[in-house]
Amino acid sequence: MNDKRYLQLNDIDAYRVAFHLSNLIWEEVVRWDHFARHTVGKQFVRAIDSVSANIAEGFGRYGKKDKIKFYRYANGSLKERLDWNEKARVRKLISQNTYENIFTELQQLPLLINQLIKYTNLTLKI
């Protein structure tokens, strides 16, 4: 019997952290007033949703270069995400504690995404 287990999307640390963050931010933003939600909130949610979505899309691609391209897009979205986190803190839309929790998780993601890129480069031939 073949006991070989294939890598699943939820096995990827970068994806799990980004997915968790996107839901955490969603829970914060839905409580904001209309103006804050439709200005900062939409961008805040879109930026972090883009990180996990690009990791998922890259995971679903066949070729190494294509996968890595989407993982790099995820990294780019992450930089935008840092900006929205700062704006939400400065504009007092999130508490200092929430800001720090989000910031701590955001600090993990570049390393996790770069590890994913390195893993992809080393393990895939095409």
N, C-alpha and C. Protein backbone atom coordinates (compact mmCIF):
# COMPACT_ATOMS: atom_id res chain seq x y z
N MET A 1 0.84 -1.18 0.00
CA MET A 1 0.00 0.00 0.00
C MET A 1 0.89 1.25 0.00
N ASN A 2 0.51 2.27 -0.71
CA ASN A 2 1.27 3.51 -0.82
C ASN A 2 0.87 4.46 0.32
N ASP A 3 1.81 4.75 1.21
CA ASP A 3 1.55 5.65 2.34
C ASP A 3 2.00 7.08 2.04
N LYS A 4 2.32 7.37 0.81
CA LYS A 4 2.81 8.70 0.44
C LYS A 4 1.69 9.72 0.62
N ARG A 5 2.00 10.78 1.37
CA ARG A 5 1.03 11.84 1.62
C ARG A 5 1.49 13.08 0.84
N TYR A 6 0.59 13.66 0.11
CA TYR A 6 0.91 14.84 -0.67
C TYR A 6 0.70 16.10 0.15
N LEU A 7 1.53 17.09 -0.12
CA LEU A 7 1.43 18.38 0.54
C LEU A 7 0.09 19.02 0.23
N GLN A 8 -0.58 19.51 1.25
CA GLN A 8 -1.86 20.19 1.11
C GLN A 8 -1.67 21.67 1.43
N LEU A 9 -2.55 22.50 0.94
CA LEU A 9 -2.45 23.94 1.17
C LEU A 9 -2.37 24.28 2.66
N ASN A 10 -3.16 23.62 3.48
CA ASN A 10 -3.15 23.90 4.91
C ASN A 10 -1.90 23.41 5.62
N ASP A 11 -1.03 22.70 4.92
CA ASP A 11 0.27 22.30 5.48
C ASP A 11 1.28 23.43 5.41
N ILE A 12 0.97 24.46 4.65
CA ILE A 12 1.92 25.56 4.42
C ILE A 12 1.74 26.61 5.52
N ASP A 13 2.80 26.81 6.30
CA ASP A 13 2.74 27.76 7.42
C ASP A 13 2.37 29.17 6.96
N ALA A 14 2.95 29.63 5.88
CA ALA A 14 2.67 30.98 5.39
C ALA A 14 1.18 31.14 5.09
N TYR A 15 0.58 30.14 4.50
CA TYR A 15 -0.84 30.20 4.19
C TYR A 15 -1.67 30.23 5.47
N ARG A 16 -1.35 29.36 6.41
CA ARG A 16 -2.14 29.30 7.66
C ARG A 16 -2.08 30.63 8.43
N VAL A 17 -0.89 31.21 8.53
CA VAL A 17 -0.76 32.49 9.24
C VAL A 17 -1.52 33.59 8.51
N ALA A 18 -1.37 33.67 7.18
CA ALA A 18 -2.06 34.70 6.40
C ALA A 18 -3.58 34.53 6.46
N PHE A 19 -4.04 33.30 6.40
CA PHE A 19 -5.47 33.03 6.47
C PHE A 19 -6.03 33.43 7.83
N HIS A 20 -5.31 33.08 8.88
CA HIS A 20 -5.73 33.46 10.24
C HIS A 20 -5.79 34.98 10.37
N LEU A 21 -4.77 35.66 9.88
CA LEU A 21 -4.74 37.12 9.94
C LEU A 21 -5.89 37.74 9.18
N SER A 22 -6.20 37.21 8.01
CA SER A 22 -7.29 37.79 7.22
C SER A 22 -8.61 37.69 7.97
N ASN A 23 -8.82 36.60 8.69
CA ASN A 23 -10.06 36.46 9.46
C ASN A 23 -10.05 37.33 10.71
N LEU A 24 -8.91 37.48 11.34
CA LEU A 24 -8.78 38.36 12.49
C LEU A 24 -9.09 39.81 12.10
N ILE A 25 -8.55 40.24 11.00
CA ILE A 25 -8.77 41.61 10.53
C ILE A 25 -10.23 41.80 10.10
N TRP A 26 -10.79 40.81 9.46
CA TRP A 26 -12.20 40.87 9.09
C TRP A 26 -13.07 41.12 10.32
N GLU A 27 -12.82 40.35 11.38
CA GLU A 27 -13.60 40.49 12.61
C GLU A 27 -13.47 41.89 13.21
N GLU A 28 -12.32 42.51 13.06
CA GLU A 28 -12.14 43.88 13.54
C GLU A 28 -12.91 44.87 12.66
N VAL A 29 -12.72 44.77 11.36
CA VAL A 29 -13.25 45.76 10.42
C VAL A 29 -14.78 45.76 10.39
N VAL A 30 -15.41 44.63 10.51
CA VAL A 30 -16.88 44.60 10.43
C VAL A 30 -17.54 45.37 11.57
N ARG A 31 -16.80 45.67 12.62
CA ARG A 31 -17.36 46.42 13.76
C ARG A 31 -17.18 47.94 13.61
N TRP A 32 -16.44 48.35 12.62
CA TRP A 32 -16.18 49.78 12.45
C TRP A 32 -17.41 50.49 11.90
N ASP A 33 -17.41 51.82 12.04
CA ASP A 33 -18.52 52.59 11.47
C ASP A 33 -18.42 52.58 9.93
N HIS A 34 -19.48 53.01 9.30
CA HIS A 34 -19.59 52.94 7.84
C HIS A 34 -18.41 53.61 7.13
N PHE A 35 -18.08 54.83 7.51
CA PHE A 35 -17.00 55.56 6.83
C PHE A 35 -15.67 54.83 6.95
N ALA A 36 -15.30 54.42 8.15
CA ALA A 36 -14.03 53.73 8.37
C ALA A 36 -13.98 52.41 7.61
N ARG A 37 -15.10 51.68 7.63
CA ARG A 37 -15.16 50.39 6.94
C ARG A 37 -14.98 50.55 5.44
N HIS A 38 -15.56 51.59 4.87
CA HIS A 38 -15.55 51.75 3.41
C HIS A 38 -14.34 52.53 2.90
N THR A 39 -13.52 53.04 3.79
CA THR A 39 -12.29 53.71 3.35
C THR A 39 -11.10 52.83 3.71
N VAL A 40 -10.71 52.83 4.95
CA VAL A 40 -9.56 52.04 5.41
C VAL A 40 -9.90 50.54 5.44
N GLY A 41 -11.08 50.22 5.93
CA GLY A 41 -11.44 48.81 6.13
C GLY A 41 -11.39 47.95 4.88
N LYS A 42 -11.97 48.44 3.80
CA LYS A 42 -11.95 47.66 2.55
C LYS A 42 -10.53 47.37 2.10
N GLN A 43 -9.69 48.39 2.14
CA GLN A 43 -8.30 48.22 1.69
C GLN A 43 -7.54 47.29 2.62
N PHE A 44 -7.78 47.43 3.91
CA PHE A 44 -7.13 46.62 4.94
C PHE A 44 -7.44 45.14 4.70
N VAL A 45 -8.72 44.84 4.51
CA VAL A 45 -9.15 43.46 4.28
C VAL A 45 -8.64 42.93 2.94
N ARG A 46 -8.75 43.74 1.89
CA ARG A 46 -8.30 43.29 0.56
C ARG A 46 -6.81 42.97 0.56
N ALA A 47 -6.02 43.80 1.24
CA ALA A 47 -4.57 43.59 1.24
C ALA A 47 -4.20 42.28 1.91
N ILE A 48 -4.79 41.99 3.07
CA ILE A 48 -4.43 40.75 3.75
C ILE A 48 -5.07 39.54 3.08
N ASP A 49 -6.28 39.69 2.56
CA ASP A 49 -6.89 38.59 1.81
C ASP A 49 -6.04 38.22 0.61
N SER A 50 -5.41 39.21 0.02
CA SER A 50 -4.58 38.99 -1.15
C SER A 50 -3.36 38.12 -0.83
N VAL A 51 -2.84 38.23 0.38
CA VAL A 51 -1.67 37.43 0.76
C VAL A 51 -2.02 35.96 0.72
N SER A 52 -3.05 35.55 1.46
CA SER A 52 -3.41 34.12 1.48
C SER A 52 -3.93 33.65 0.12
N ALA A 53 -4.64 34.53 -0.59
CA ALA A 53 -5.17 34.14 -1.91
C ALA A 53 -4.04 33.90 -2.91
N ASN A 54 -3.01 34.73 -2.88
CA ASN A 54 -1.88 34.53 -3.80
C ASN A 54 -1.07 33.28 -3.44
N ILE A 55 -0.95 32.99 -2.16
CA ILE A 55 -0.28 31.75 -1.77
C ILE A 55 -1.09 30.56 -2.27
N ALA A 56 -2.40 30.62 -2.10
CA ALA A 56 -3.27 29.53 -2.57
C ALA A 56 -3.19 29.39 -4.09
N GLU A 57 -3.22 30.51 -4.79
CA GLU A 57 -3.15 30.43 -6.25
C GLU A 57 -1.81 29.87 -6.71
N GLY A 58 -0.74 30.32 -6.09
CA GLY A 58 0.58 29.78 -6.42
C GLY A 58 0.67 28.29 -6.16
N PHE A 59 0.10 27.86 -5.05
CA PHE A 59 0.10 26.44 -4.69
C PHE A 59 -0.60 25.61 -5.75
N GLY A 60 -1.63 26.18 -6.35
CA GLY A 60 -2.40 25.46 -7.36
C GLY A 60 -1.78 25.47 -8.75
N ARG A 61 -0.73 26.22 -8.94
CA ARG A 61 -0.06 26.27 -10.24
C ARG A 61 0.86 25.07 -10.42
N TYR A 62 1.15 24.76 -11.68
CA TYR A 62 1.94 23.58 -11.99
C TYR A 62 3.44 23.86 -11.98
N GLY A 63 3.87 24.89 -12.66
CA GLY A 63 5.29 25.14 -12.84
C GLY A 63 5.91 25.92 -11.70
N LYS A 64 7.18 25.67 -11.48
CA LYS A 64 7.92 26.32 -10.41
C LYS A 64 7.92 27.84 -10.54
N LYS A 65 8.21 28.35 -11.73
CA LYS A 65 8.26 29.80 -11.93
C LYS A 65 6.90 30.44 -11.68
N ASP A 66 5.86 29.78 -12.14
CA ASP A 66 4.51 30.30 -11.94
C ASP A 66 4.15 30.32 -10.46
N LYS A 67 4.46 29.25 -9.75
CA LYS A 67 4.20 29.20 -8.30
C LYS A 67 4.91 30.34 -7.59
N ILE A 68 6.20 30.48 -7.86
CA ILE A 68 7.01 31.49 -7.18
C ILE A 68 6.53 32.90 -7.50
N LYS A 69 6.06 33.12 -8.73
CA LYS A 69 5.53 34.44 -9.10
C LYS A 69 4.40 34.83 -8.15
N PHE A 70 3.49 33.91 -7.87
CA PHE A 70 2.36 34.21 -6.98
C PHE A 70 2.80 34.35 -5.53
N TYR A 71 3.82 33.60 -5.12
CA TYR A 71 4.33 33.75 -3.76
C TYR A 71 4.97 35.13 -3.60
N ARG A 72 5.59 35.62 -4.66
CA ARG A 72 6.16 36.97 -4.61
C ARG A 72 5.06 38.04 -4.61
N TYR A 73 3.98 37.80 -5.31
CA TYR A 73 2.84 38.71 -5.23
C TYR A 73 2.34 38.79 -3.78
N ALA A 74 2.32 37.64 -3.12
CA ALA A 74 1.89 37.60 -1.72
C ALA A 74 2.79 38.49 -0.87
N ASN A 75 4.08 38.43 -1.12
CA ASN A 75 5.03 39.28 -0.39
C ASN A 75 4.75 40.76 -0.65
N GLY A 76 4.43 41.11 -1.87
CA GLY A 76 4.10 42.50 -2.21
C GLY A 76 2.85 42.98 -1.49
N SER A 77 1.84 42.13 -1.44
CA SER A 77 0.62 42.47 -0.73
C SER A 77 0.89 42.65 0.76
N LEU A 78 1.84 41.93 1.25
CA LEU A 78 2.20 42.02 2.66
C LEU A 78 2.74 43.40 3.00
N LYS A 79 3.52 43.97 2.13
CA LYS A 79 4.05 45.32 2.37
C LYS A 79 2.90 46.33 2.45
N GLU A 80 1.93 46.18 1.57
CA GLU A 80 0.76 47.06 1.61
C GLU A 80 0.01 46.87 2.92
N ARG A 81 -0.05 45.66 3.38
CA ARG A 81 -0.76 45.32 4.60
C ARG A 81 -0.15 46.03 5.81
N LEU A 82 1.16 46.14 5.87
CA LEU A 82 1.83 46.85 6.95
C LEU A 82 1.37 48.31 7.01
N ASP A 83 1.21 48.92 5.84
CA ASP A 83 0.77 50.30 5.76
C ASP A 83 -0.64 50.46 6.33
N TRP A 84 -1.56 49.57 5.95
CA TRP A 84 -2.93 49.68 6.44
C TRP A 84 -3.01 49.43 7.94
N ASN A 85 -2.16 48.56 8.45
CA ASN A 85 -2.13 48.32 9.90
C ASN A 85 -1.72 49.59 10.64
N GLU A 86 -0.73 50.29 10.10
CA GLU A 86 -0.29 51.56 10.70
C GLU A 86 -1.40 52.60 10.66
N LYS A 87 -2.06 52.71 9.52
CA LYS A 87 -3.14 53.70 9.39
C LYS A 87 -4.27 53.40 10.37
N ALA A 88 -4.62 52.13 10.51
CA ALA A 88 -5.70 51.76 11.43
C ALA A 88 -5.32 52.11 12.87
N ARG A 89 -4.06 51.94 13.23
CA ARG A 89 -3.61 52.28 14.58
C ARG A 89 -3.62 53.79 14.80
N VAL A 90 -3.02 54.52 13.87
CA VAL A 90 -2.93 55.98 13.99
C VAL A 90 -4.32 56.62 14.04
N ARG A 91 -5.24 56.09 13.27
CA ARG A 91 -6.60 56.63 13.22
C ARG A 91 -7.50 56.07 14.32
N LYS A 92 -6.88 55.29 15.21
CA LYS A 92 -7.57 54.73 16.38
C LYS A 92 -8.76 53.83 16.01
N LEU A 93 -8.59 53.11 14.93
CA LEU A 93 -9.61 52.14 14.52
C LEU A 93 -9.38 50.79 15.19
N ILE A 94 -8.15 50.53 15.59
CA ILE A 94 -7.81 49.31 16.33
C ILE A 94 -7.05 49.70 17.59
N SER A 95 -7.12 48.86 18.58
CA SER A 95 -6.42 49.11 19.83
C SER A 95 -4.92 48.86 19.64
N GLN A 96 -4.13 49.36 20.56
CA GLN A 96 -2.68 49.13 20.51
C GLN A 96 -2.39 47.63 20.61
N ASN A 97 -3.14 46.93 21.43
CA ASN A 97 -2.95 45.49 21.60
C ASN A 97 -3.24 44.74 20.29
N THR A 98 -4.34 45.09 19.63
CA THR A 98 -4.69 44.46 18.35
C THR A 98 -3.62 44.78 17.31
N TYR A 99 -3.20 46.04 17.28
CA TYR A 99 -2.14 46.45 16.35
C TYR A 99 -0.90 45.59 16.55
N GLU A 100 -0.48 45.42 17.79
CA GLU A 100 0.73 44.64 18.08
C GLU A 100 0.57 43.18 17.72
N ASN A 101 -0.61 42.61 17.98
CA ASN A 101 -0.87 41.21 17.59
C ASN A 101 -0.77 41.03 16.08
N ILE A 102 -1.40 41.94 15.34
CA ILE A 102 -1.36 41.88 13.88
C ILE A 102 0.07 42.09 13.40
N PHE A 103 0.75 43.08 13.94
CA PHE A 103 2.12 43.39 13.52
C PHE A 103 3.05 42.20 13.76
N THR A 104 2.90 41.53 14.90
CA THR A 104 3.74 40.36 15.22
C THR A 104 3.55 39.26 14.18
N GLU A 105 2.30 38.99 13.83
CA GLU A 105 2.05 37.96 12.81
C GLU A 105 2.55 38.40 11.44
N LEU A 106 2.38 39.68 11.14
CA LEU A 106 2.87 40.19 9.86
C LEU A 106 4.39 40.06 9.74
N GLN A 107 5.08 40.21 10.86
CA GLN A 107 6.54 40.10 10.85
C GLN A 107 7.00 38.68 10.53
N GLN A 108 6.18 37.68 10.83
CA GLN A 108 6.51 36.28 10.54
C GLN A 108 6.39 35.95 9.06
N LEU A 109 5.44 36.61 8.40
CA LEU A 109 5.09 36.21 7.03
C LEU A 109 6.20 36.33 5.99
N PRO A 110 7.02 37.38 5.98
CA PRO A 110 8.08 37.42 4.96
C PRO A 110 9.01 36.21 5.04
N LEU A 111 9.39 35.84 6.24
CA LEU A 111 10.25 34.67 6.41
C LEU A 111 9.55 33.40 5.94
N LEU A 112 8.29 33.25 6.32
CA LEU A 112 7.54 32.05 5.91
C LEU A 112 7.35 31.98 4.40
N ILE A 113 7.07 33.11 3.78
CA ILE A 113 6.90 33.14 2.32
C ILE A 113 8.23 32.87 1.63
N ASN A 114 9.31 33.45 2.14
CA ASN A 114 10.62 33.19 1.54
C ASN A 114 11.04 31.74 1.72
N GLN A 115 10.68 31.12 2.84
CA GLN A 115 10.94 29.68 3.02
C GLN A 115 10.14 28.87 2.01
N LEU A 116 8.92 29.28 1.74
CA LEU A 116 8.09 28.60 0.75
C LEU A 116 8.70 28.71 -0.64
N ILE A 117 9.20 29.90 -0.97
CA ILE A 117 9.86 30.09 -2.27
C ILE A 117 11.10 29.21 -2.36
N LYS A 118 11.89 29.19 -1.32
CA LYS A 118 13.10 28.36 -1.31
C LYS A 118 12.75 26.88 -1.44
N TYR A 119 11.77 26.43 -0.69
CA TYR A 119 11.32 25.03 -0.75
C TYR A 119 10.86 24.68 -2.16
N THR A 120 10.10 25.57 -2.77
CA THR A 120 9.59 25.35 -4.12
C THR A 120 10.75 25.26 -5.11
N ASN A 121 11.71 26.15 -4.98
CA ASN A 121 12.89 26.16 -5.84
C ASN A 121 13.69 24.87 -5.73
N LEU A 122 13.82 24.36 -4.51
CA LEU A 122 14.64 23.16 -4.29
C LEU A 122 13.94 21.87 -4.67
N THR A 123 12.63 21.80 -4.51
CA THR A 123 11.94 20.53 -4.70
C THR A 123 11.34 20.32 -6.07
N LEU A 124 11.04 21.39 -6.79
CA LEU A 124 10.43 21.22 -8.11
C LEU A 124 11.48 21.32 -9.21
N LYS A 125 11.33 20.51 -10.20
CA LYS A 125 12.24 20.51 -11.34
C LYS A 125 11.83 21.51 -12.42
N ILE A 126 10.53 21.61 -12.63
CA ILE A 126 10.01 22.42 -13.73
C ILE A 126 9.55 23.77 -13.21
